[in-house]
Amino acid sequence: MLVGNASTTKAGLDIAMQLSPLGLLFYGFHEVRAQMLVQTGDYQSAACWGTGPRVHHAHCLITMIALAANSLAGNHDQAAQWRREVRRRKAAATTAHYTAAFPTKDTALRSLIMAELRRHGF
């Protein structure tokens, strides 16, 4: 996903989710898929997959993916909820934190996500 190869990402995610359906980091698979779907322009599906933050121990950066996906899909109320949740989990979260954690090589995708996060005050 970080290098922009959606087909390889999808295949790998499908296998990982089948092998580890009860894994403690399963929520992260949802967010990787959500970001991959943003990359392909399927914002509605990305928003549907962006459910990882519902896990109480999910990191705030995971929540930022869900925020961006829902914002791009036009789900503004849900995006606002995720924004509040990011701030609750880490008040000082920034786009720099996001890009450090997810060093996406696809500059168009990175710019798109950064624009959405900035629109929501990050």
PDB file of N, CA and C in Angstrom:
ATOM      1  N   MET A   1       0.829  -1.182   0.000  1.00  0.00           N
ATOM      2  CA  MET A   1       0.000   0.000   0.000  1.00  0.00           C
ATOM      3  C   MET A   1       0.876   1.249   0.000  1.00  0.00           C
ATOM      4  N   LEU A   2       1.955   1.228   0.741  1.00  0.00           N
ATOM      5  CA  LEU A   2       2.809   2.408   0.833  1.00  0.00           C
ATOM      6  C   LEU A   2       3.523   2.741  -0.468  1.00  0.00           C
ATOM      7  N   VAL A   3       3.721   1.744  -1.333  1.00  0.00           N
ATOM      8  CA  VAL A   3       4.378   2.011  -2.612  1.00  0.00           C
ATOM      9  C   VAL A   3       3.381   2.191  -3.741  1.00  0.00           C
ATOM     10  N   GLY A   4       2.090   2.021  -3.463  1.00  0.00           N
ATOM     11  CA  GLY A   4       1.067   2.294  -4.461  1.00  0.00           C
ATOM     12  C   GLY A   4       0.615   1.110  -5.282  1.00  0.00           C
ATOM     13  N   ASN A   5       0.901  -0.096  -4.863  1.00  0.00           N
ATOM     14  CA  ASN A   5       0.510  -1.272  -5.626  1.00  0.00           C
ATOM     15  C   ASN A   5      -0.769  -1.867  -5.042  1.00  0.00           C
ATOM     16  N   ALA A   6      -1.905  -1.406  -5.537  1.00  0.00           N
ATOM     17  CA  ALA A   6      -3.205  -1.807  -4.985  1.00  0.00           C
ATOM     18  C   ALA A   6      -3.492  -3.294  -5.163  1.00  0.00           C
ATOM     19  N   SER A   7      -3.155  -3.870  -6.305  1.00  0.00           N
ATOM     20  CA  SER A   7      -3.489  -5.280  -6.529  1.00  0.00           C
ATOM     21  C   SER A   7      -2.704  -6.200  -5.596  1.00  0.00           C
ATOM     22  N   THR A   8      -1.424  -5.917  -5.403  1.00  0.00           N
ATOM     23  CA  THR A   8      -0.626  -6.717  -4.474  1.00  0.00           C
ATOM     24  C   THR A   8      -1.100  -6.494  -3.038  1.00  0.00           C
ATOM     25  N   THR A   9      -1.439  -5.267  -2.713  1.00  0.00           N
ATOM     26  CA  THR A   9      -1.951  -4.968  -1.376  1.00  0.00           C
ATOM     27  C   THR A   9      -3.224  -5.739  -1.104  1.00  0.00           C
ATOM     28  N   LYS A  10      -4.144  -5.730  -2.050  1.00  0.00           N
ATOM     29  CA  LYS A  10      -5.411  -6.436  -1.864  1.00  0.00           C
ATOM     30  C   LYS A  10      -5.183  -7.923  -1.650  1.00  0.00           C
ATOM     31  N   ALA A  11      -4.342  -8.515  -2.469  1.00  0.00           N
ATOM     32  CA  ALA A  11      -4.070  -9.959  -2.340  1.00  0.00           C
ATOM     33  C   ALA A  11      -3.453 -10.271  -0.976  1.00  0.00           C
ATOM     34  N   GLY A  12      -2.501  -9.476  -0.564  1.00  0.00           N
ATOM     35  CA  GLY A  12      -1.862  -9.683   0.731  1.00  0.00           C
ATOM     36  C   GLY A  12      -2.822  -9.503   1.891  1.00  0.00           C
ATOM     37  N   LEU A  13      -3.668  -8.501   1.796  1.00  0.00           N
ATOM     38  CA  LEU A  13      -4.662  -8.269   2.849  1.00  0.00           C
ATOM     39  C   LEU A  13      -5.653  -9.420   2.944  1.00  0.00           C
ATOM     40  N   ASP A  14      -6.098  -9.900   1.804  1.00  0.00           N
ATOM     41  CA  ASP A  14      -7.045 -11.021   1.808  1.00  0.00           C
ATOM     42  C   ASP A  14      -6.447 -12.222   2.533  1.00  0.00           C
ATOM     43  N   ILE A  15      -5.200 -12.525   2.240  1.00  0.00           N
ATOM     44  CA  ILE A  15      -4.533 -13.652   2.894  1.00  0.00           C
ATOM     45  C   ILE A  15      -4.362 -13.382   4.390  1.00  0.00           C
ATOM     46  N   ALA A  16      -3.867 -12.205   4.725  1.00  0.00           N
ATOM     47  CA  ALA A  16      -3.635 -11.869   6.134  1.00  0.00           C
ATOM     48  C   ALA A  16      -4.927 -11.927   6.946  1.00  0.00           C
ATOM     49  N   MET A  17      -6.013 -11.446   6.381  1.00  0.00           N
ATOM     50  CA  MET A  17      -7.286 -11.442   7.110  1.00  0.00           C
ATOM     51  C   MET A  17      -7.830 -12.853   7.274  1.00  0.00           C
ATOM     52  N   GLN A  18      -7.573 -13.720   6.318  1.00  0.00           N
ATOM     53  CA  GLN A  18      -7.994 -15.113   6.450  1.00  0.00           C
ATOM     54  C   GLN A  18      -7.149 -15.840   7.489  1.00  0.00           C
ATOM     55  N   LEU A  19      -5.867 -15.546   7.534  1.00  0.00           N
ATOM     56  CA  LEU A  19      -4.970 -16.229   8.461  1.00  0.00           C
ATOM     57  C   LEU A  19      -5.097 -15.741   9.898  1.00  0.00           C
ATOM     58  N   SER A  20      -5.502 -14.501  10.071  1.00  0.00           N
ATOM     59  CA  SER A  20      -5.501 -13.914  11.409  1.00  0.00           C
ATOM     60  C   SER A  20      -6.798 -13.157  11.717  1.00  0.00           C
ATOM     61  N   PRO A  21      -7.948 -13.821  11.616  1.00  0.00           N
ATOM     62  CA  PRO A  21      -9.207 -13.098  11.823  1.00  0.00           C
ATOM     63  C   PRO A  21      -9.437 -12.626  13.259  1.00  0.00           C
ATOM     64  N   LEU A  22      -8.702 -13.173  14.207  1.00  0.00           N
ATOM     65  CA  LEU A  22      -8.871 -12.777  15.602  1.00  0.00           C
ATOM     66  C   LEU A  22      -7.642 -12.061  16.151  1.00  0.00           C
ATOM     67  N   GLY A  23      -6.725 -11.687  15.266  1.00  0.00           N
ATOM     68  CA  GLY A  23      -5.500 -11.025  15.697  1.00  0.00           C
ATOM     69  C   GLY A  23      -5.769  -9.675  16.339  1.00  0.00           C
ATOM     70  N   LEU A  24      -4.921  -9.306  17.279  1.00  0.00           N
ATOM     71  CA  LEU A  24      -5.095  -8.037  17.993  1.00  0.00           C
ATOM     72  C   LEU A  24      -4.956  -6.820  17.090  1.00  0.00           C
ATOM     73  N   LEU A  25      -4.298  -6.973  15.961  1.00  0.00           N
ATOM     74  CA  LEU A  25      -4.109  -5.852  15.038  1.00  0.00           C
ATOM     75  C   LEU A  25      -4.985  -5.960  13.798  1.00  0.00           C
ATOM     76  N   PHE A  26      -6.022  -6.772  13.871  1.00  0.00           N
ATOM     77  CA  PHE A  26      -6.913  -6.977  12.728  1.00  0.00           C
ATOM     78  C   PHE A  26      -7.510  -5.657  12.243  1.00  0.00           C
ATOM     79  N   TYR A  27      -7.806  -4.769  13.168  1.00  0.00           N
ATOM     80  CA  TYR A  27      -8.359  -3.463  12.796  1.00  0.00           C
ATOM     81  C   TYR A  27      -7.441  -2.724  11.832  1.00  0.00           C
ATOM     82  N   GLY A  28      -6.134  -2.941  11.949  1.00  0.00           N
ATOM     83  CA  GLY A  28      -5.184  -2.292  11.058  1.00  0.00           C
ATOM     84  C   GLY A  28      -5.332  -2.748   9.616  1.00  0.00           C
ATOM     85  N   PHE A  29      -5.734  -4.001   9.429  1.00  0.00           N
ATOM     86  CA  PHE A  29      -5.973  -4.499   8.074  1.00  0.00           C
ATOM     87  C   PHE A  29      -7.095  -3.699   7.414  1.00  0.00           C
ATOM     88  N   HIS A  30      -8.111  -3.361   8.211  1.00  0.00           N
ATOM     89  CA  HIS A  30      -9.223  -2.570   7.684  1.00  0.00           C
ATOM     90  C   HIS A  30      -8.723  -1.212   7.187  1.00  0.00           C
ATOM     91  N   GLU A  31      -7.849  -0.602   7.967  1.00  0.00           N
ATOM     92  CA  GLU A  31      -7.382   0.735   7.600  1.00  0.00           C
ATOM     93  C   GLU A  31      -6.409   0.697   6.424  1.00  0.00           C
ATOM     94  N   VAL A  32      -5.604  -0.337   6.328  1.00  0.00           N
ATOM     95  CA  VAL A  32      -4.737  -0.473   5.151  1.00  0.00           C
ATOM     96  C   VAL A  32      -5.612  -0.608   3.903  1.00  0.00           C
ATOM     97  N   ARG A  33      -6.667  -1.414   4.013  1.00  0.00           N
ATOM     98  CA  ARG A  33      -7.577  -1.569   2.876  1.00  0.00           C
ATOM     99  C   ARG A  33      -8.268  -0.241   2.576  1.00  0.00           C
ATOM    100  N   ALA A  34      -8.670   0.480   3.601  1.00  0.00           N
ATOM    101  CA  ALA A  34      -9.323   1.774   3.387  1.00  0.00           C
ATOM    102  C   ALA A  34      -8.392   2.727   2.648  1.00  0.00           C
ATOM    103  N   GLN A  35      -7.132   2.787   3.073  1.00  0.00           N
ATOM    104  CA  GLN A  35      -6.201   3.691   2.399  1.00  0.00           C
ATOM    105  C   GLN A  35      -5.928   3.230   0.975  1.00  0.00           C
ATOM    106  N   MET A  36      -5.859   1.920   0.754  1.00  0.00           N
ATOM    107  CA  MET A  36      -5.681   1.391  -0.597  1.00  0.00           C
ATOM    108  C   MET A  36      -6.870   1.786  -1.476  1.00  0.00           C
ATOM    109  N   LEU A  37      -8.079   1.732  -0.920  1.00  0.00           N
ATOM    110  CA  LEU A  37      -9.274   2.084  -1.687  1.00  0.00           C
ATOM    111  C   LEU A  37      -9.333   3.584  -1.976  1.00  0.00           C
ATOM    112  N   VAL A  38      -8.837   4.405  -1.056  1.00  0.00           N
ATOM    113  CA  VAL A  38      -8.710   5.836  -1.343  1.00  0.00           C
ATOM    114  C   VAL A  38      -7.789   6.008  -2.542  1.00  0.00           C
ATOM    115  N   GLN A  39      -6.703   5.264  -2.549  1.00  0.00           N
ATOM    116  CA  GLN A  39      -5.733   5.338  -3.648  1.00  0.00           C
ATOM    117  C   GLN A  39      -6.380   5.010  -4.992  1.00  0.00           C
ATOM    118  N   THR A  40      -7.329   4.082  -5.012  1.00  0.00           N
ATOM    119  CA  THR A  40      -7.983   3.706  -6.263  1.00  0.00           C
ATOM    120  C   THR A  40      -9.168   4.605  -6.590  1.00  0.00           C
ATOM    121  N   GLY A  41      -9.501   5.537  -5.684  1.00  0.00           N
ATOM    122  CA  GLY A  41     -10.607   6.456  -5.928  1.00  0.00           C
ATOM    123  C   GLY A  41     -11.962   5.942  -5.469  1.00  0.00           C
ATOM    124  N   ASP A  42     -11.994   4.799  -4.819  1.00  0.00           N
ATOM    125  CA  ASP A  42     -13.251   4.225  -4.339  1.00  0.00           C
ATOM    126  C   ASP A  42     -13.502   4.691  -2.902  1.00  0.00           C
ATOM    127  N   TYR A  43     -13.879   5.954  -2.766  1.00  0.00           N
ATOM    128  CA  TYR A  43     -14.017   6.577  -1.456  1.00  0.00           C
ATOM    129  C   TYR A  43     -15.141   5.973  -0.615  1.00  0.00           C
ATOM    130  N   GLN A  44     -16.237   5.594  -1.248  1.00  0.00           N
ATOM    131  CA  GLN A  44     -17.346   4.995  -0.492  1.00  0.00           C
ATOM    132  C   GLN A  44     -16.914   3.686   0.160  1.00  0.00           C
ATOM    133  N   SER A  45     -16.239   2.833  -0.605  1.00  0.00           N
ATOM    134  CA  SER A  45     -15.758   1.574  -0.034  1.00  0.00           C
ATOM    135  C   SER A  45     -14.695   1.837   1.027  1.00  0.00           C
ATOM    136  N   ALA A  46     -13.847   2.822   0.775  1.00  0.00           N
ATOM    137  CA  ALA A  46     -12.821   3.168   1.762  1.00  0.00           C
ATOM    138  C   ALA A  46     -13.466   3.566   3.084  1.00  0.00           C
ATOM    139  N   ALA A  47     -14.525   4.352   3.012  1.00  0.00           N
ATOM    140  CA  ALA A  47     -15.222   4.764   4.233  1.00  0.00           C
ATOM    141  C   ALA A  47     -15.836   3.561   4.948  1.00  0.00           C
ATOM    142  N   CYS A  48     -16.359   2.619   4.191  1.00  0.00           N
ATOM    143  CA  CYS A  48     -16.937   1.407   4.797  1.00  0.00           C
ATOM    144  C   CYS A  48     -15.873   0.570   5.492  1.00  0.00           C
ATOM    145  N   TRP A  49     -14.691   0.488   4.917  1.00  0.00           N
ATOM    146  CA  TRP A  49     -13.614  -0.296   5.521  1.00  0.00           C
ATOM    147  C   TRP A  49     -12.942   0.453   6.662  1.00  0.00           C
ATOM    148  N   GLY A  50     -13.110   1.764   6.704  1.00  0.00           N
ATOM    149  CA  GLY A  50     -12.462   2.567   7.743  1.00  0.00           C
ATOM    150  C   GLY A  50     -13.133   2.438   9.086  1.00  0.00           C
ATOM    151  N   THR A  51     -13.195   1.221   9.598  1.00  0.00           N
ATOM    152  CA  THR A  51     -13.875   0.958  10.867  1.00  0.00           C
ATOM    153  C   THR A  51     -12.913   0.607  11.989  1.00  0.00           C
ATOM    154  N   GLY A  52     -11.634   0.518  11.692  1.00  0.00           N
ATOM    155  CA  GLY A  52     -10.644   0.136  12.692  1.00  0.00           C
ATOM    156  C   GLY A  52     -10.658   0.964  13.962  1.00  0.00           C
ATOM    157  N   PRO A  53     -10.907   2.282  13.875  1.00  0.00           N
ATOM    158  CA  PRO A  53     -10.887   3.090  15.086  1.00  0.00           C
ATOM    159  C   PRO A  53     -11.952   2.711  16.117  1.00  0.00           C
ATOM    160  N   ARG A  54     -12.922   1.913  15.713  1.00  0.00           N
ATOM    161  CA  ARG A  54     -13.936   1.493  16.682  1.00  0.00           C
ATOM    162  C   ARG A  54     -13.354   0.571  17.747  1.00  0.00           C
ATOM    163  N   VAL A  55     -12.186   0.019  17.470  1.00  0.00           N
ATOM    164  CA  VAL A  55     -11.482  -0.806  18.450  1.00  0.00           C
ATOM    165  C   VAL A  55     -10.873   0.138  19.476  1.00  0.00           C
ATOM    166  N   HIS A  56     -11.138  -0.106  20.726  1.00  0.00           N
ATOM    167  CA  HIS A  56     -10.736   0.856  21.757  1.00  0.00           C
ATOM    168  C   HIS A  56      -9.237   1.096  21.845  1.00  0.00           C
ATOM    169  N   HIS A  57      -8.427   0.157  21.420  1.00  0.00           N
ATOM    170  CA  HIS A  57      -6.976   0.335  21.523  1.00  0.00           C
ATOM    171  C   HIS A  57      -6.324   0.767  20.206  1.00  0.00           C
ATOM    172  N   ALA A  58      -7.124   1.099  19.211  1.00  0.00           N
ATOM    173  CA  ALA A  58      -6.565   1.541  17.932  1.00  0.00           C
ATOM    174  C   ALA A  58      -5.840   2.878  18.113  1.00  0.00           C
ATOM    175  N   HIS A  59      -4.738   3.026  17.432  1.00  0.00           N
ATOM    176  CA  HIS A  59      -3.926   4.243  17.519  1.00  0.00           C
ATOM    177  C   HIS A  59      -4.635   5.399  16.809  1.00  0.00           C
ATOM    178  N   CYS A  60      -4.336   6.610  17.227  1.00  0.00           N
ATOM    179  CA  CYS A  60      -4.969   7.790  16.624  1.00  0.00           C
ATOM    180  C   CYS A  60      -4.674   7.897  15.137  1.00  0.00           C
ATOM    181  N   LEU A  61      -3.525   7.403  14.685  1.00  0.00           N
ATOM    182  CA  LEU A  61      -3.191   7.481  13.266  1.00  0.00           C
ATOM    183  C   LEU A  61      -4.103   6.602  12.424  1.00  0.00           C
ATOM    184  N   ILE A  62      -4.540   5.494  12.987  1.00  0.00           N
ATOM    185  CA  ILE A  62      -5.520   4.632  12.322  1.00  0.00           C
ATOM    186  C   ILE A  62      -6.822   5.413  12.151  1.00  0.00           C
ATOM    187  N   THR A  63      -7.161   6.169  13.172  1.00  0.00           N
ATOM    188  CA  THR A  63      -8.380   6.973  13.138  1.00  0.00           C
ATOM    189  C   THR A  63      -8.287   8.062  12.070  1.00  0.00           C
ATOM    190  N   MET A  64      -7.087   8.558  11.815  1.00  0.00           N
ATOM    191  CA  MET A  64      -6.910   9.578  10.781  1.00  0.00           C
ATOM    192  C   MET A  64      -7.209   9.020   9.391  1.00  0.00           C
ATOM    193  N   ILE A  65      -6.920   7.742   9.163  1.00  0.00           N
ATOM    194  CA  ILE A  65      -7.258   7.132   7.872  1.00  0.00           C
ATOM    195  C   ILE A  65      -8.772   7.117   7.706  1.00  0.00           C
ATOM    196  N   ALA A  66      -9.478   6.703   8.753  1.00  0.00           N
ATOM    197  CA  ALA A  66     -10.942   6.664   8.696  1.00  0.00           C
ATOM    198  C   ALA A  66     -11.513   8.066   8.494  1.00  0.00           C
ATOM    199  N   LEU A  67     -10.922   9.047   9.131  1.00  0.00           N
ATOM    200  CA  LEU A  67     -11.365  10.437   8.969  1.00  0.00           C
ATOM    201  C   LEU A  67     -11.233  10.856   7.506  1.00  0.00           C
ATOM    202  N   ALA A  68     -10.058  10.646   6.919  1.00  0.00           N
ATOM    203  CA  ALA A  68      -9.829  11.054   5.534  1.00  0.00           C
ATOM    204  C   ALA A  68     -10.755  10.310   4.578  1.00  0.00           C
ATOM    205  N   ALA A  69     -10.906   9.002   4.778  1.00  0.00           N
ATOM    206  CA  ALA A  69     -11.769   8.205   3.887  1.00  0.00           C
ATOM    207  C   ALA A  69     -13.208   8.695   3.946  1.00  0.00           C
ATOM    208  N   ASN A  70     -13.715   8.941   5.146  1.00  0.00           N
ATOM    209  CA  ASN A  70     -15.093   9.399   5.279  1.00  0.00           C
ATOM    210  C   ASN A  70     -15.269  10.808   4.744  1.00  0.00           C
ATOM    211  N   SER A  71     -14.282  11.648   4.923  1.00  0.00           N
ATOM    212  CA  SER A  71     -14.356  13.004   4.393  1.00  0.00           C
ATOM    213  C   SER A  71     -14.401  12.979   2.869  1.00  0.00           C
ATOM    214  N   LEU A  72     -13.542  12.177   2.263  1.00  0.00           N
ATOM    215  CA  LEU A  72     -13.523  12.058   0.797  1.00  0.00           C
ATOM    216  C   LEU A  72     -14.819  11.472   0.260  1.00  0.00           C
ATOM    217  N   ALA A  73     -15.441  10.599   1.035  1.00  0.00           N
ATOM    218  CA  ALA A  73     -16.699   9.972   0.613  1.00  0.00           C
ATOM    219  C   ALA A  73     -17.900  10.893   0.831  1.00  0.00           C
ATOM    220  N   GLY A  74     -17.666  12.045   1.444  1.00  0.00           N
ATOM    221  CA  GLY A  74     -18.760  12.975   1.701  1.00  0.00           C
ATOM    222  C   GLY A  74     -19.530  12.675   2.977  1.00  0.00           C
ATOM    223  N   ASN A  75     -19.004  11.794   3.803  1.00  0.00           N
ATOM    224  CA  ASN A  75     -19.637  11.455   5.083  1.00  0.00           C
ATOM    225  C   ASN A  75     -19.118  12.416   6.149  1.00  0.00           C
ATOM    226  N   HIS A  76     -19.568  13.653   6.077  1.00  0.00           N
ATOM    227  CA  HIS A  76     -18.986  14.713   6.897  1.00  0.00           C
ATOM    228  C   HIS A  76     -19.263  14.544   8.383  1.00  0.00           C
ATOM    229  N   ASP A  77     -20.429  14.050   8.738  1.00  0.00           N
ATOM    230  CA  ASP A  77     -20.717  13.827  10.156  1.00  0.00           C
ATOM    231  C   ASP A  77     -19.800  12.757  10.728  1.00  0.00           C
ATOM    232  N   GLN A  78     -19.608  11.671   9.981  1.00  0.00           N
ATOM    233  CA  GLN A  78     -18.724  10.602  10.451  1.00  0.00           C
ATOM    234  C   GLN A  78     -17.286  11.086  10.501  1.00  0.00           C
ATOM    235  N   ALA A  79     -16.878  11.859   9.509  1.00  0.00           N
ATOM    236  CA  ALA A  79     -15.518  12.408   9.515  1.00  0.00           C
ATOM    237  C   ALA A  79     -15.308  13.293  10.743  1.00  0.00           C
ATOM    238  N   ALA A  80     -16.302  14.096  11.083  1.00  0.00           N
ATOM    239  CA  ALA A  80     -16.199  14.955  12.269  1.00  0.00           C
ATOM    240  C   ALA A  80     -16.085  14.126  13.546  1.00  0.00           C
ATOM    241  N   GLN A  81     -16.800  13.010  13.584  1.00  0.00           N
ATOM    242  CA  GLN A  81     -16.689  12.115  14.743  1.00  0.00           C
ATOM    243  C   GLN A  81     -15.280  11.561  14.860  1.00  0.00           C
ATOM    244  N   TRP A  82     -14.708  11.144  13.717  1.00  0.00           N
ATOM    245  CA  TRP A  82     -13.353  10.615  13.748  1.00  0.00           C
ATOM    246  C   TRP A  82     -12.360  11.705  14.123  1.00  0.00           C
ATOM    247  N   ARG A  83     -12.585  12.945  13.674  1.00  0.00           N
ATOM    248  CA  ARG A  83     -11.704  14.052  14.063  1.00  0.00           C
ATOM    249  C   ARG A  83     -11.703  14.221  15.577  1.00  0.00           C
ATOM    250  N   ARG A  84     -12.889  14.213  16.169  1.00  0.00           N
ATOM    251  CA  ARG A  84     -12.977  14.337  17.631  1.00  0.00           C
ATOM    252  C   ARG A  84     -12.273  13.168  18.325  1.00  0.00           C
ATOM    253  N   GLU A  85     -12.414  11.983  17.736  1.00  0.00           N
ATOM    254  CA  GLU A  85     -11.783  10.804  18.331  1.00  0.00           C
ATOM    255  C   GLU A  85     -10.259  10.877  18.238  1.00  0.00           C
ATOM    256  N   VAL A  86      -9.728  11.380  17.134  1.00  0.00           N
ATOM    257  CA  VAL A  86      -8.281  11.569  17.027  1.00  0.00           C
ATOM    258  C   VAL A  86      -7.822  12.494  18.140  1.00  0.00           C
ATOM    259  N   ARG A  87      -8.496  13.609  18.296  1.00  0.00           N
ATOM    260  CA  ARG A  87      -8.107  14.595  19.311  1.00  0.00           C
ATOM    261  C   ARG A  87      -8.228  14.018  20.723  1.00  0.00           C
ATOM    262  N   ARG A  88      -9.227  13.164  20.943  1.00  0.00           N
ATOM    263  CA  ARG A  88      -9.374  12.540  22.256  1.00  0.00           C
ATOM    264  C   ARG A  88      -8.200  11.602  22.529  1.00  0.00           C
ATOM    265  N   ARG A  89      -7.784  10.865  21.508  1.00  0.00           N
ATOM    266  CA  ARG A  89      -6.709   9.886  21.680  1.00  0.00           C
ATOM    267  C   ARG A  89      -5.330  10.549  21.750  1.00  0.00           C
ATOM    268  N   LYS A  90      -5.137  11.608  20.949  1.00  0.00           N
ATOM    269  CA  LYS A  90      -3.858  12.335  20.958  1.00  0.00           C
ATOM    270  C   LYS A  90      -4.111  13.758  20.500  1.00  0.00           C
ATOM    271  N   ALA A  91      -4.281  14.634  21.455  1.00  0.00           N
ATOM    272  CA  ALA A  91      -4.649  16.022  21.165  1.00  0.00           C
ATOM    273  C   ALA A  91      -3.652  16.718  20.243  1.00  0.00           C
ATOM    274  N   ALA A  92      -2.387  16.352  20.331  1.00  0.00           N
ATOM    275  CA  ALA A  92      -1.350  17.025  19.552  1.00  0.00           C
ATOM    276  C   ALA A  92      -1.058  16.339  18.208  1.00  0.00           C
ATOM    277  N   ALA A  93      -1.924  15.437  17.759  1.00  0.00           N
ATOM    278  CA  ALA A  93      -1.696  14.723  16.492  1.00  0.00           C
ATOM    279  C   ALA A  93      -1.605  15.714  15.330  1.00  0.00           C
ATOM    280  N   THR A  94      -0.676  15.425  14.402  1.00  0.00           N
ATOM    281  CA  THR A  94      -0.466  16.298  13.247  1.00  0.00           C
ATOM    282  C   THR A  94      -0.331  15.467  11.971  1.00  0.00           C
ATOM    283  N   THR A  95      -0.351  16.157  10.843  1.00  0.00           N
ATOM    284  CA  THR A  95      -0.106  15.460   9.578  1.00  0.00           C
ATOM    285  C   THR A  95       1.316  14.905   9.537  1.00  0.00           C
ATOM    286  N   ALA A  96       2.246  15.546  10.226  1.00  0.00           N
ATOM    287  CA  ALA A  96       3.626  15.043  10.268  1.00  0.00           C
ATOM    288  C   ALA A  96       3.681  13.678  10.952  1.00  0.00           C
ATOM    289  N   HIS A  97       2.899  13.492  12.002  1.00  0.00           N
ATOM    290  CA  HIS A  97       2.821  12.179  12.648  1.00  0.00           C
ATOM    291  C   HIS A  97       2.304  11.141  11.654  1.00  0.00           C
ATOM    292  N   TYR A  98       1.284  11.536  10.907  1.00  0.00           N
ATOM    293  CA  TYR A  98       0.682  10.619   9.943  1.00  0.00           C
ATOM    294  C   TYR A  98       1.684  10.213   8.863  1.00  0.00           C
ATOM    295  N   THR A  99       2.353  11.189   8.272  1.00  0.00           N
ATOM    296  CA  THR A  99       3.279  10.869   7.184  1.00  0.00           C
ATOM    297  C   THR A  99       4.504  10.111   7.681  1.00  0.00           C
ATOM    298  N   ALA A 100       4.901  10.324   8.918  1.00  0.00           N
ATOM    299  CA  ALA A 100       6.014   9.553   9.482  1.00  0.00           C
ATOM    300  C   ALA A 100       5.618   8.086   9.646  1.00  0.00           C
ATOM    301  N   ALA A 101       4.392   7.848  10.057  1.00  0.00           N
ATOM    302  CA  ALA A 101       3.913   6.478  10.270  1.00  0.00           C
ATOM    303  C   ALA A 101       3.574   5.782   8.961  1.00  0.00           C
ATOM    304  N   PHE A 102       3.065   6.543   7.996  1.00  0.00           N
ATOM    305  CA  PHE A 102       2.637   5.994   6.710  1.00  0.00           C
ATOM    306  C   PHE A 102       3.353   6.746   5.588  1.00  0.00           C
ATOM    307  N   PRO A 103       4.626   6.438   5.348  1.00  0.00           N
ATOM    308  CA  PRO A 103       5.402   7.167   4.329  1.00  0.00           C
ATOM    309  C   PRO A 103       5.023   6.733   2.911  1.00  0.00           C
ATOM    310  N   THR A 104       3.832   7.113   2.520  1.00  0.00           N
ATOM    311  CA  THR A 104       3.272   6.732   1.229  1.00  0.00           C
ATOM    312  C   THR A 104       4.095   7.322   0.087  1.00  0.00           C
ATOM    313  N   LYS A 105       4.537   6.466  -0.825  1.00  0.00           N
ATOM    314  CA  LYS A 105       5.338   6.907  -1.975  1.00  0.00           C
ATOM    315  C   LYS A 105       4.485   7.556  -3.064  1.00  0.00           C
ATOM    316  N   ASP A 106       3.215   7.220  -3.094  1.00  0.00           N
ATOM    317  CA  ASP A 106       2.287   7.774  -4.082  1.00  0.00           C
ATOM    318  C   ASP A 106       1.990   9.224  -3.677  1.00  0.00           C
ATOM    319  N   THR A 107       2.646  10.166  -4.372  1.00  0.00           N
ATOM    320  CA  THR A 107       2.536  11.569  -3.971  1.00  0.00           C
ATOM    321  C   THR A 107       1.124  12.113  -4.128  1.00  0.00           C
ATOM    322  N   ALA A 108       0.391  11.650  -5.129  1.00  0.00           N
ATOM    323  CA  ALA A 108      -0.988  12.122  -5.306  1.00  0.00           C
ATOM    324  C   ALA A 108      -1.854  11.658  -4.136  1.00  0.00           C
ATOM    325  N   LEU A 109      -1.694  10.406  -3.727  1.00  0.00           N
ATOM    326  CA  LEU A 109      -2.449   9.888  -2.588  1.00  0.00           C
ATOM    327  C   LEU A 109      -2.071  10.621  -1.314  1.00  0.00           C
ATOM    328  N   ARG A 110      -0.785  10.804  -1.095  1.00  0.00           N
ATOM    329  CA  ARG A 110      -0.330  11.505   0.105  1.00  0.00           C
ATOM    330  C   ARG A 110      -0.899  12.925   0.142  1.00  0.00           C
ATOM    331  N   SER A 111      -0.859  13.616  -0.989  1.00  0.00           N
ATOM    332  CA  SER A 111      -1.399  14.984  -1.052  1.00  0.00           C
ATOM    333  C   SER A 111      -2.895  15.013  -0.789  1.00  0.00           C
ATOM    334  N   LEU A 112      -3.605  14.047  -1.337  1.00  0.00           N
ATOM    335  CA  LEU A 112      -5.054  13.968  -1.146  1.00  0.00           C
ATOM    336  C   LEU A 112      -5.398  13.774   0.328  1.00  0.00           C
ATOM    337  N   ILE A 113      -4.724  12.834   0.964  1.00  0.00           N
ATOM    338  CA  ILE A 113      -4.992  12.566   2.382  1.00  0.00           C
ATOM    339  C   ILE A 113      -4.574  13.754   3.236  1.00  0.00           C
ATOM    340  N   MET A 114      -3.424  14.343   2.941  1.00  0.00           N
ATOM    341  CA  MET A 114      -2.974  15.510   3.704  1.00  0.00           C
ATOM    342  C   MET A 114      -3.970  16.659   3.584  1.00  0.00           C
ATOM    343  N   ALA A 115      -4.514  16.880   2.401  1.00  0.00           N
ATOM    344  CA  ALA A 115      -5.494  17.945   2.213  1.00  0.00           C
ATOM    345  C   ALA A 115      -6.731  17.700   3.076  1.00  0.00           C
ATOM    346  N   GLU A 116      -7.176  16.458   3.136  1.00  0.00           N
ATOM    347  CA  GLU A 116      -8.350  16.147   3.965  1.00  0.00           C
ATOM    348  C   GLU A 116      -8.047  16.336   5.439  1.00  0.00           C
ATOM    349  N   LEU A 117      -6.887  15.892   5.872  1.00  0.00           N
ATOM    350  CA  LEU A 117      -6.523  16.064   7.284  1.00  0.00           C
ATOM    351  C   LEU A 117      -6.374  17.545   7.640  1.00  0.00           C
ATOM    352  N   ARG A 118      -5.798  18.306   6.735  1.00  0.00           N
ATOM    353  CA  ARG A 118      -5.657  19.752   6.993  1.00  0.00           C
ATOM    354  C   ARG A 118      -7.023  20.429   7.047  1.00  0.00           C
ATOM    355  N   ARG A 119      -7.925  19.974   6.197  1.00  0.00           N
ATOM    356  CA  ARG A 119      -9.272  20.544   6.215  1.00  0.00           C
ATOM    357  C   ARG A 119      -9.948  20.331   7.570  1.00  0.00           C
ATOM    358  N   HIS A 120      -9.523  19.277   8.264  1.00  0.00           N
ATOM    359  CA  HIS A 120     -10.099  18.967   9.563  1.00  0.00           C
ATOM    360  C   HIS A 120      -9.221  19.453  10.713  1.00  0.00           C
ATOM    361  N   GLY A 121      -8.276  20.332  10.416  1.00  0.00           N
ATOM    362  CA  GLY A 121      -7.510  20.994  11.463  1.00  0.00           C
ATOM    363  C   GLY A 121      -6.212  20.333  11.874  1.00  0.00           C
ATOM    364  N   PHE A 122      -5.729  19.414  11.069  1.00  0.00           N
ATOM    365  CA  PHE A 122      -4.451  18.761  11.400  1.00  0.00           C
ATOM    366  C   PHE A 122      -3.332  19.341  10.564  1.00  0.00           C
TER     367      PHE A 122
END
